[in-house]
Amino acid sequence: MPATHKHKVCAECGKSESDQWARHWKRRHPDQPKRELAPGEAPARPYDESWIYLIEPESLREQFLRAVQLLELPPNFSSTN
């Protein structure tokens, strides 16, 4: 059975990592607790202004794009006249 690695997005900088997850935290955020970014959240200190487009693979990026688009939609107010 081939080894599979889950891609994770860093909650500090927004970079996506797979098998290098522990190394990323050790080198870039040694004093921070390890935390994966959830869709709909923004990183604490984004690596880049367009951090969402740096996420690889594209299937993972799509999860974050959909969450951001849902957050940006204005609330649907219906008038009862």
PDB file of N, CA and C in Angstrom:
ATOM      1  N   MET A   1       0.847  -1.169   0.000  1.00  0.00           N
ATOM      2  CA  MET A   1       0.000   0.000   0.000  1.00  0.00           C
ATOM      3  C   MET A   1       0.901   1.244   0.000  1.00  0.00           C
ATOM      4  N   PRO A   2       0.666   2.192  -0.916  1.00  0.00           N
ATOM      5  CA  PRO A   2       1.501   3.392  -0.977  1.00  0.00           C
ATOM      6  C   PRO A   2       1.238   4.318   0.210  1.00  0.00           C
ATOM      7  N   ALA A   3       2.260   5.029   0.612  1.00  0.00           N
ATOM      8  CA  ALA A   3       2.118   5.982   1.707  1.00  0.00           C
ATOM      9  C   ALA A   3       1.364   7.214   1.207  1.00  0.00           C
ATOM     10  N   THR A   4       0.416   7.674   1.978  1.00  0.00           N
ATOM     11  CA  THR A   4      -0.330   8.877   1.626  1.00  0.00           C
ATOM     12  C   THR A   4      -0.109   9.909   2.725  1.00  0.00           C
ATOM     13  N   HIS A   5      -0.038  11.141   2.339  1.00  0.00           N
ATOM     14  CA  HIS A   5       0.171  12.225   3.289  1.00  0.00           C
ATOM     15  C   HIS A   5      -0.957  13.222   3.147  1.00  0.00           C
ATOM     16  N   LYS A   6      -1.447  13.665   4.261  1.00  0.00           N
ATOM     17  CA  LYS A   6      -2.499  14.666   4.256  1.00  0.00           C
ATOM     18  C   LYS A   6      -1.856  16.042   4.159  1.00  0.00           C
ATOM     19  N   HIS A   7      -2.340  16.842   3.258  1.00  0.00           N
ATOM     20  CA  HIS A   7      -1.869  18.215   3.144  1.00  0.00           C
ATOM     21  C   HIS A   7      -2.547  19.049   4.218  1.00  0.00           C
ATOM     22  N   LYS A   8      -1.767  19.892   4.869  1.00  0.00           N
ATOM     23  CA  LYS A   8      -2.281  20.757   5.920  1.00  0.00           C
ATOM     24  C   LYS A   8      -1.892  22.191   5.596  1.00  0.00           C
ATOM     25  N   VAL A   9      -2.695  23.137   6.074  1.00  0.00           N
ATOM     26  CA  VAL A   9      -2.416  24.552   5.881  1.00  0.00           C
ATOM     27  C   VAL A   9      -2.064  25.132   7.248  1.00  0.00           C
ATOM     28  N   CYS A  10      -0.957  25.821   7.306  1.00  0.00           N
ATOM     29  CA  CYS A  10      -0.442  26.397   8.551  1.00  0.00           C
ATOM     30  C   CYS A  10      -1.332  27.545   9.017  1.00  0.00           C
ATOM     31  N   ALA A  11      -1.734  27.519  10.276  1.00  0.00           N
ATOM     32  CA  ALA A  11      -2.582  28.572  10.835  1.00  0.00           C
ATOM     33  C   ALA A  11      -1.812  29.857  11.094  1.00  0.00           C
ATOM     34  N   GLU A  12      -0.501  29.812  11.101  1.00  0.00           N
ATOM     35  CA  GLU A  12       0.315  31.006  11.315  1.00  0.00           C
ATOM     36  C   GLU A  12       0.546  31.776  10.022  1.00  0.00           C
ATOM     37  N   CYS A  13       1.014  31.066   8.967  1.00  0.00           N
ATOM     38  CA  CYS A  13       1.419  31.770   7.744  1.00  0.00           C
ATOM     39  C   CYS A  13       0.579  31.421   6.514  1.00  0.00           C
ATOM     40  N   GLY A  14      -0.230  30.381   6.566  1.00  0.00           N
ATOM     41  CA  GLY A  14      -1.091  30.037   5.444  1.00  0.00           C
ATOM     42  C   GLY A  14      -0.436  29.172   4.383  1.00  0.00           C
ATOM     43  N   LYS A  15       0.789  28.695   4.618  1.00  0.00           N
ATOM     44  CA  LYS A  15       1.441  27.836   3.630  1.00  0.00           C
ATOM     45  C   LYS A  15       0.948  26.409   3.799  1.00  0.00           C
ATOM     46  N   SER A  16       0.810  25.697   2.684  1.00  0.00           N
ATOM     47  CA  SER A  16       0.378  24.311   2.757  1.00  0.00           C
ATOM     48  C   SER A  16       1.600  23.394   2.745  1.00  0.00           C
ATOM     49  N   GLU A  17       1.516  22.353   3.536  1.00  0.00           N
ATOM     50  CA  GLU A  17       2.596  21.378   3.642  1.00  0.00           C
ATOM     51  C   GLU A  17       1.987  19.987   3.668  1.00  0.00           C
ATOM     52  N   SER A  18       2.775  19.008   3.272  1.00  0.00           N
ATOM     53  CA  SER A  18       2.308  17.623   3.360  1.00  0.00           C
ATOM     54  C   SER A  18       3.199  16.870   4.332  1.00  0.00           C
ATOM     55  N   ASP A  19       4.143  16.121   3.814  1.00  0.00           N
ATOM     56  CA  ASP A  19       5.020  15.337   4.680  1.00  0.00           C
ATOM     57  C   ASP A  19       6.053  16.204   5.398  1.00  0.00           C
ATOM     58  N   GLN A  20       6.106  17.481   5.090  1.00  0.00           N
ATOM     59  CA  GLN A  20       7.057  18.402   5.723  1.00  0.00           C
ATOM     60  C   GLN A  20       6.405  19.231   6.831  1.00  0.00           C
ATOM     61  N   TRP A  21       5.229  18.819   7.301  1.00  0.00           N
ATOM     62  CA  TRP A  21       4.470  19.577   8.287  1.00  0.00           C
ATOM     63  C   TRP A  21       5.285  19.847   9.558  1.00  0.00           C
ATOM     64  N   ALA A  22       5.886  18.838  10.138  1.00  0.00           N
ATOM     65  CA  ALA A  22       6.659  19.017  11.371  1.00  0.00           C
ATOM     66  C   ALA A  22       7.895  19.883  11.125  1.00  0.00           C
ATOM     67  N   ARG A  23       8.541  19.686  10.006  1.00  0.00           N
ATOM     68  CA  ARG A  23       9.726  20.480   9.674  1.00  0.00           C
ATOM     69  C   ARG A  23       9.357  21.954   9.487  1.00  0.00           C
ATOM     70  N   HIS A  24       8.230  22.203   8.848  1.00  0.00           N
ATOM     71  CA  HIS A  24       7.767  23.578   8.645  1.00  0.00           C
ATOM     72  C   HIS A  24       7.635  24.295   9.988  1.00  0.00           C
ATOM     73  N   TRP A  25       6.953  23.654  10.947  1.00  0.00           N
ATOM     74  CA  TRP A  25       6.752  24.277  12.249  1.00  0.00           C
ATOM     75  C   TRP A  25       8.059  24.447  12.998  1.00  0.00           C
ATOM     76  N   LYS A  26       8.918  23.478  12.928  1.00  0.00           N
ATOM     77  CA  LYS A  26      10.190  23.544  13.654  1.00  0.00           C
ATOM     78  C   LYS A  26      11.060  24.691  13.139  1.00  0.00           C
ATOM     79  N   ARG A  27      11.070  24.890  11.832  1.00  0.00           N
ATOM     80  CA  ARG A  27      11.913  25.927  11.238  1.00  0.00           C
ATOM     81  C   ARG A  27      11.283  27.317  11.261  1.00  0.00           C
ATOM     82  N   ARG A  28      10.003  27.415  10.995  1.00  0.00           N
ATOM     83  CA  ARG A  28       9.364  28.724  10.827  1.00  0.00           C
ATOM     84  C   ARG A  28       8.644  29.249  12.063  1.00  0.00           C
ATOM     85  N   HIS A  29       8.131  28.361  12.888  1.00  0.00           N
ATOM     86  CA  HIS A  29       7.335  28.777  14.054  1.00  0.00           C
ATOM     87  C   HIS A  29       7.711  27.949  15.294  1.00  0.00           C
ATOM     88  N   PRO A  30       8.961  27.953  15.696  1.00  0.00           N
ATOM     89  CA  PRO A  30       9.376  27.071  16.794  1.00  0.00           C
ATOM     90  C   PRO A  30       8.713  27.406  18.133  1.00  0.00           C
ATOM     91  N   ASP A  31       8.305  28.640  18.339  1.00  0.00           N
ATOM     92  CA  ASP A  31       7.725  29.036  19.618  1.00  0.00           C
ATOM     93  C   ASP A  31       6.199  28.988  19.625  1.00  0.00           C
ATOM     94  N   GLN A  32       5.580  28.579  18.529  1.00  0.00           N
ATOM     95  CA  GLN A  32       4.121  28.530  18.419  1.00  0.00           C
ATOM     96  C   GLN A  32       3.629  27.080  18.490  1.00  0.00           C
ATOM     97  N   PRO A  33       2.449  26.857  19.056  1.00  0.00           N
ATOM     98  CA  PRO A  33       1.884  25.499  19.037  1.00  0.00           C
ATOM     99  C   PRO A  33       1.444  25.134  17.616  1.00  0.00           C
ATOM    100  N   LYS A  34       1.592  23.873  17.250  1.00  0.00           N
ATOM    101  CA  LYS A  34       1.196  23.418  15.914  1.00  0.00           C
ATOM    102  C   LYS A  34      -0.320  23.494  15.800  1.00  0.00           C
ATOM    103  N   ARG A  35      -0.768  24.168  14.735  1.00  0.00           N
ATOM    104  CA  ARG A  35      -2.212  24.287  14.518  1.00  0.00           C
ATOM    105  C   ARG A  35      -2.491  24.384  13.033  1.00  0.00           C
ATOM    106  N   GLU A  36      -3.428  23.565  12.602  1.00  0.00           N
ATOM    107  CA  GLU A  36      -3.836  23.553  11.203  1.00  0.00           C
ATOM    108  C   GLU A  36      -4.961  24.563  11.001  1.00  0.00           C
ATOM    109  N   LEU A  37      -4.908  25.271   9.873  1.00  0.00           N
ATOM    110  CA  LEU A  37      -5.927  26.257   9.528  1.00  0.00           C
ATOM    111  C   LEU A  37      -7.185  25.547   9.032  1.00  0.00           C
ATOM    112  N   ALA A  38      -8.317  25.959   9.538  1.00  0.00           N
ATOM    113  CA  ALA A  38      -9.594  25.390   9.106  1.00  0.00           C
ATOM    114  C   ALA A  38     -10.190  26.271   8.013  1.00  0.00           C
ATOM    115  N   PRO A  39     -10.948  25.682   7.080  1.00  0.00           N
ATOM    116  CA  PRO A  39     -11.602  26.502   6.061  1.00  0.00           C
ATOM    117  C   PRO A  39     -12.488  27.558   6.713  1.00  0.00           C
ATOM    118  N   GLY A  40     -12.406  28.777   6.199  1.00  0.00           N
ATOM    119  CA  GLY A  40     -13.166  29.888   6.755  1.00  0.00           C
ATOM    120  C   GLY A  40     -12.346  30.751   7.696  1.00  0.00           C
ATOM    121  N   GLU A  41     -11.177  30.261   8.108  1.00  0.00           N
ATOM    122  CA  GLU A  41     -10.290  31.042   8.962  1.00  0.00           C
ATOM    123  C   GLU A  41      -9.218  31.699   8.106  1.00  0.00           C
ATOM    124  N   ALA A  42      -8.558  32.688   8.674  1.00  0.00           N
ATOM    125  CA  ALA A  42      -7.423  33.341   8.014  1.00  0.00           C
ATOM    126  C   ALA A  42      -6.186  33.107   8.868  1.00  0.00           C
ATOM    127  N   PRO A  43      -5.031  33.004   8.248  1.00  0.00           N
ATOM    128  CA  PRO A  43      -3.810  32.806   9.036  1.00  0.00           C
ATOM    129  C   PRO A  43      -3.498  34.026   9.904  1.00  0.00           C
ATOM    130  N   ALA A  44      -2.815  33.793  11.013  1.00  0.00           N
ATOM    131  CA  ALA A  44      -2.477  34.871  11.948  1.00  0.00           C
ATOM    132  C   ALA A  44      -1.539  35.887  11.297  1.00  0.00           C
ATOM    133  N   ARG A  45      -0.514  35.408  10.630  1.00  0.00           N
ATOM    134  CA  ARG A  45       0.437  36.267   9.926  1.00  0.00           C
ATOM    135  C   ARG A  45       0.662  35.674   8.535  1.00  0.00           C
ATOM    136  N   PRO A  46      -0.184  36.038   7.563  1.00  0.00           N
ATOM    137  CA  PRO A  46      -0.097  35.436   6.227  1.00  0.00           C
ATOM    138  C   PRO A  46       1.278  35.624   5.592  1.00  0.00           C
ATOM    139  N   TYR A  47       1.741  34.572   4.933  1.00  0.00           N
ATOM    140  CA  TYR A  47       3.018  34.595   4.232  1.00  0.00           C
ATOM    141  C   TYR A  47       2.983  35.599   3.093  1.00  0.00           C
ATOM    142  N   ASP A  48       1.835  35.714   2.460  1.00  0.00           N
ATOM    143  CA  ASP A  48       1.669  36.585   1.304  1.00  0.00           C
ATOM    144  C   ASP A  48       0.247  37.125   1.310  1.00  0.00           C
ATOM    145  N   GLU A  49       0.040  38.253   0.655  1.00  0.00           N
ATOM    146  CA  GLU A  49      -1.293  38.842   0.573  1.00  0.00           C
ATOM    147  C   GLU A  49      -2.278  37.882  -0.102  1.00  0.00           C
ATOM    148  N   SER A  50      -1.824  37.160  -1.093  1.00  0.00           N
ATOM    149  CA  SER A  50      -2.677  36.192  -1.798  1.00  0.00           C
ATOM    150  C   SER A  50      -2.344  34.770  -1.349  1.00  0.00           C
ATOM    151  N   TRP A  51      -2.291  34.554  -0.057  1.00  0.00           N
ATOM    152  CA  TRP A  51      -1.887  33.270   0.515  1.00  0.00           C
ATOM    153  C   TRP A  51      -2.776  32.123   0.057  1.00  0.00           C
ATOM    154  N   ILE A  52      -4.037  32.391  -0.204  1.00  0.00           N
ATOM    155  CA  ILE A  52      -4.958  31.314  -0.576  1.00  0.00           C
ATOM    156  C   ILE A  52      -4.581  30.680  -1.917  1.00  0.00           C
ATOM    157  N   TYR A  53      -3.954  31.455  -2.798  1.00  0.00           N
ATOM    158  CA  TYR A  53      -3.573  30.925  -4.102  1.00  0.00           C
ATOM    159  C   TYR A  53      -2.256  30.166  -4.062  1.00  0.00           C
ATOM    160  N   LEU A  54      -1.577  30.173  -2.925  1.00  0.00           N
ATOM    161  CA  LEU A  54      -0.337  29.418  -2.767  1.00  0.00           C
ATOM    162  C   LEU A  54      -0.592  28.008  -2.239  1.00  0.00           C
ATOM    163  N   ILE A  55      -1.823  27.722  -1.854  1.00  0.00           N
ATOM    164  CA  ILE A  55      -2.157  26.405  -1.308  1.00  0.00           C
ATOM    165  C   ILE A  55      -2.138  25.364  -2.412  1.00  0.00           C
ATOM    166  N   GLU A  56      -1.425  24.300  -2.186  1.00  0.00           N
ATOM    167  CA  GLU A  56      -1.376  23.163  -3.101  1.00  0.00           C
ATOM    168  C   GLU A  56      -1.783  21.931  -2.321  1.00  0.00           C
ATOM    169  N   PRO A  57      -2.465  20.994  -2.866  1.00  0.00           N
ATOM    170  CA  PRO A  57      -2.996  20.857  -4.213  1.00  0.00           C
ATOM    171  C   PRO A  57      -4.238  21.730  -4.407  1.00  0.00           C
ATOM    172  N   GLU A  58      -4.669  21.835  -5.642  1.00  0.00           N
ATOM    173  CA  GLU A  58      -5.803  22.701  -5.966  1.00  0.00           C
ATOM    174  C   GLU A  58      -7.094  22.249  -5.289  1.00  0.00           C
ATOM    175  N   SER A  59      -7.242  20.959  -5.030  1.00  0.00           N
ATOM    176  CA  SER A  59      -8.459  20.484  -4.352  1.00  0.00           C
ATOM    177  C   SER A  59      -8.552  21.065  -2.945  1.00  0.00           C
ATOM    178  N   LEU A  60      -7.419  21.218  -2.269  1.00  0.00           N
ATOM    179  CA  LEU A  60      -7.400  21.831  -0.947  1.00  0.00           C
ATOM    180  C   LEU A  60      -7.665  23.327  -1.056  1.00  0.00           C
ATOM    181  N   ARG A  61      -7.108  23.956  -2.067  1.00  0.00           N
ATOM    182  CA  ARG A  61      -7.329  25.386  -2.294  1.00  0.00           C
ATOM    183  C   ARG A  61      -8.813  25.670  -2.496  1.00  0.00           C
ATOM    184  N   GLU A  62      -9.492  24.793  -3.221  1.00  0.00           N
ATOM    185  CA  GLU A  62     -10.921  24.978  -3.495  1.00  0.00           C
ATOM    186  C   GLU A  62     -11.737  25.019  -2.201  1.00  0.00           C
ATOM    187  N   GLN A  63     -11.361  24.220  -1.205  1.00  0.00           N
ATOM    188  CA  GLN A  63     -12.076  24.228   0.075  1.00  0.00           C
ATOM    189  C   GLN A  63     -12.000  25.610   0.720  1.00  0.00           C
ATOM    190  N   PHE A  64     -10.814  26.211   0.680  1.00  0.00           N
ATOM    191  CA  PHE A  64     -10.631  27.524   1.292  1.00  0.00           C
ATOM    192  C   PHE A  64     -11.289  28.619   0.454  1.00  0.00           C
ATOM    193  N   LEU A  65     -11.251  28.500  -0.869  1.00  0.00           N
ATOM    194  CA  LEU A  65     -11.908  29.491  -1.727  1.00  0.00           C
ATOM    195  C   LEU A  65     -13.412  29.497  -1.504  1.00  0.00           C
ATOM    196  N   ARG A  66     -14.012  28.323  -1.425  1.00  0.00           N
ATOM    197  CA  ARG A  66     -15.450  28.242  -1.191  1.00  0.00           C
ATOM    198  C   ARG A  66     -15.816  28.857   0.152  1.00  0.00           C
ATOM    199  N   ALA A  67     -15.019  28.593   1.174  1.00  0.00           N
ATOM    200  CA  ALA A  67     -15.298  29.138   2.503  1.00  0.00           C
ATOM    201  C   ALA A  67     -15.188  30.659   2.501  1.00  0.00           C
ATOM    202  N   VAL A  68     -14.188  31.205   1.828  1.00  0.00           N
ATOM    203  CA  VAL A  68     -14.012  32.654   1.758  1.00  0.00           C
ATOM    204  C   VAL A  68     -15.163  33.285   0.980  1.00  0.00           C
ATOM    205  N   GLN A  69     -15.578  32.655  -0.109  1.00  0.00           N
ATOM    206  CA  GLN A  69     -16.684  33.194  -0.901  1.00  0.00           C
ATOM    207  C   GLN A  69     -17.977  33.208  -0.088  1.00  0.00           C
ATOM    208  N   LEU A  70     -18.208  32.184   0.719  1.00  0.00           N
ATOM    209  CA  LEU A  70     -19.410  32.151   1.549  1.00  0.00           C
ATOM    210  C   LEU A  70     -19.377  33.241   2.606  1.00  0.00           C
ATOM    211  N   LEU A  71     -18.206  33.521   3.153  1.00  0.00           N
ATOM    212  CA  LEU A  71     -18.085  34.568   4.164  1.00  0.00           C
ATOM    213  C   LEU A  71     -18.282  35.955   3.574  1.00  0.00           C
ATOM    214  N   GLU A  72     -17.937  36.137   2.299  1.00  0.00           N
ATOM    215  CA  GLU A  72     -18.037  37.449   1.668  1.00  0.00           C
ATOM    216  C   GLU A  72     -19.428  37.770   1.151  1.00  0.00           C
ATOM    217  N   LEU A  73     -20.313  36.768   1.077  1.00  0.00           N
ATOM    218  CA  LEU A  73     -21.666  37.016   0.586  1.00  0.00           C
ATOM    219  C   LEU A  73     -22.436  37.866   1.594  1.00  0.00           C
ATOM    220  N   PRO A  74     -23.173  38.880   1.092  1.00  0.00           N
ATOM    221  CA  PRO A  74     -23.981  39.673   2.041  1.00  0.00           C
ATOM    222  C   PRO A  74     -25.147  38.839   2.553  1.00  0.00           C
ATOM    223  N   PRO A  75     -25.599  39.114   3.761  1.00  0.00           N
ATOM    224  CA  PRO A  75     -26.735  38.367   4.289  1.00  0.00           C
ATOM    225  C   PRO A  75     -27.973  38.590   3.426  1.00  0.00           C
ATOM    226  N   ASN A  76     -28.759  37.569   3.286  1.00  0.00           N
ATOM    227  CA  ASN A  76     -29.976  37.631   2.469  1.00  0.00           C
ATOM    228  C   ASN A  76     -31.132  38.109   3.325  1.00  0.00           C
ATOM    229  N   PHE A  77     -31.444  39.388   3.184  1.00  0.00           N
ATOM    230  CA  PHE A  77     -32.552  39.946   3.957  1.00  0.00           C
ATOM    231  C   PHE A  77     -33.816  39.907   3.093  1.00  0.00           C
ATOM    232  N   SER A  78     -34.841  39.310   3.601  1.00  0.00           N
ATOM    233  CA  SER A  78     -36.104  39.289   2.859  1.00  0.00           C
ATOM    234  C   SER A  78     -37.089  40.222   3.548  1.00  0.00           C
ATOM    235  N   SER A  79     -37.695  41.066   2.751  1.00  0.00           N
ATOM    236  CA  SER A  79     -38.666  42.014   3.327  1.00  0.00           C
ATOM    237  C   SER A  79     -40.039  41.374   3.319  1.00  0.00           C
ATOM    238  N   THR A  80     -40.776  41.628   4.354  1.00  0.00           N
ATOM    239  CA  THR A  80     -42.145  41.094   4.464  1.00  0.00           C
ATOM    240  C   THR A  80     -43.130  42.257   4.350  1.00  0.00           C
ATOM    241  N   ASN A  81     -43.377  42.697   3.133  1.00  0.00           N
ATOM    242  CA  ASN A  81     -44.309  43.811   2.892  1.00  0.00           C
ATOM    243  C   ASN A  81     -45.660  43.299   2.532  1.00  0.00           C
TER     244      ASN A  81
END
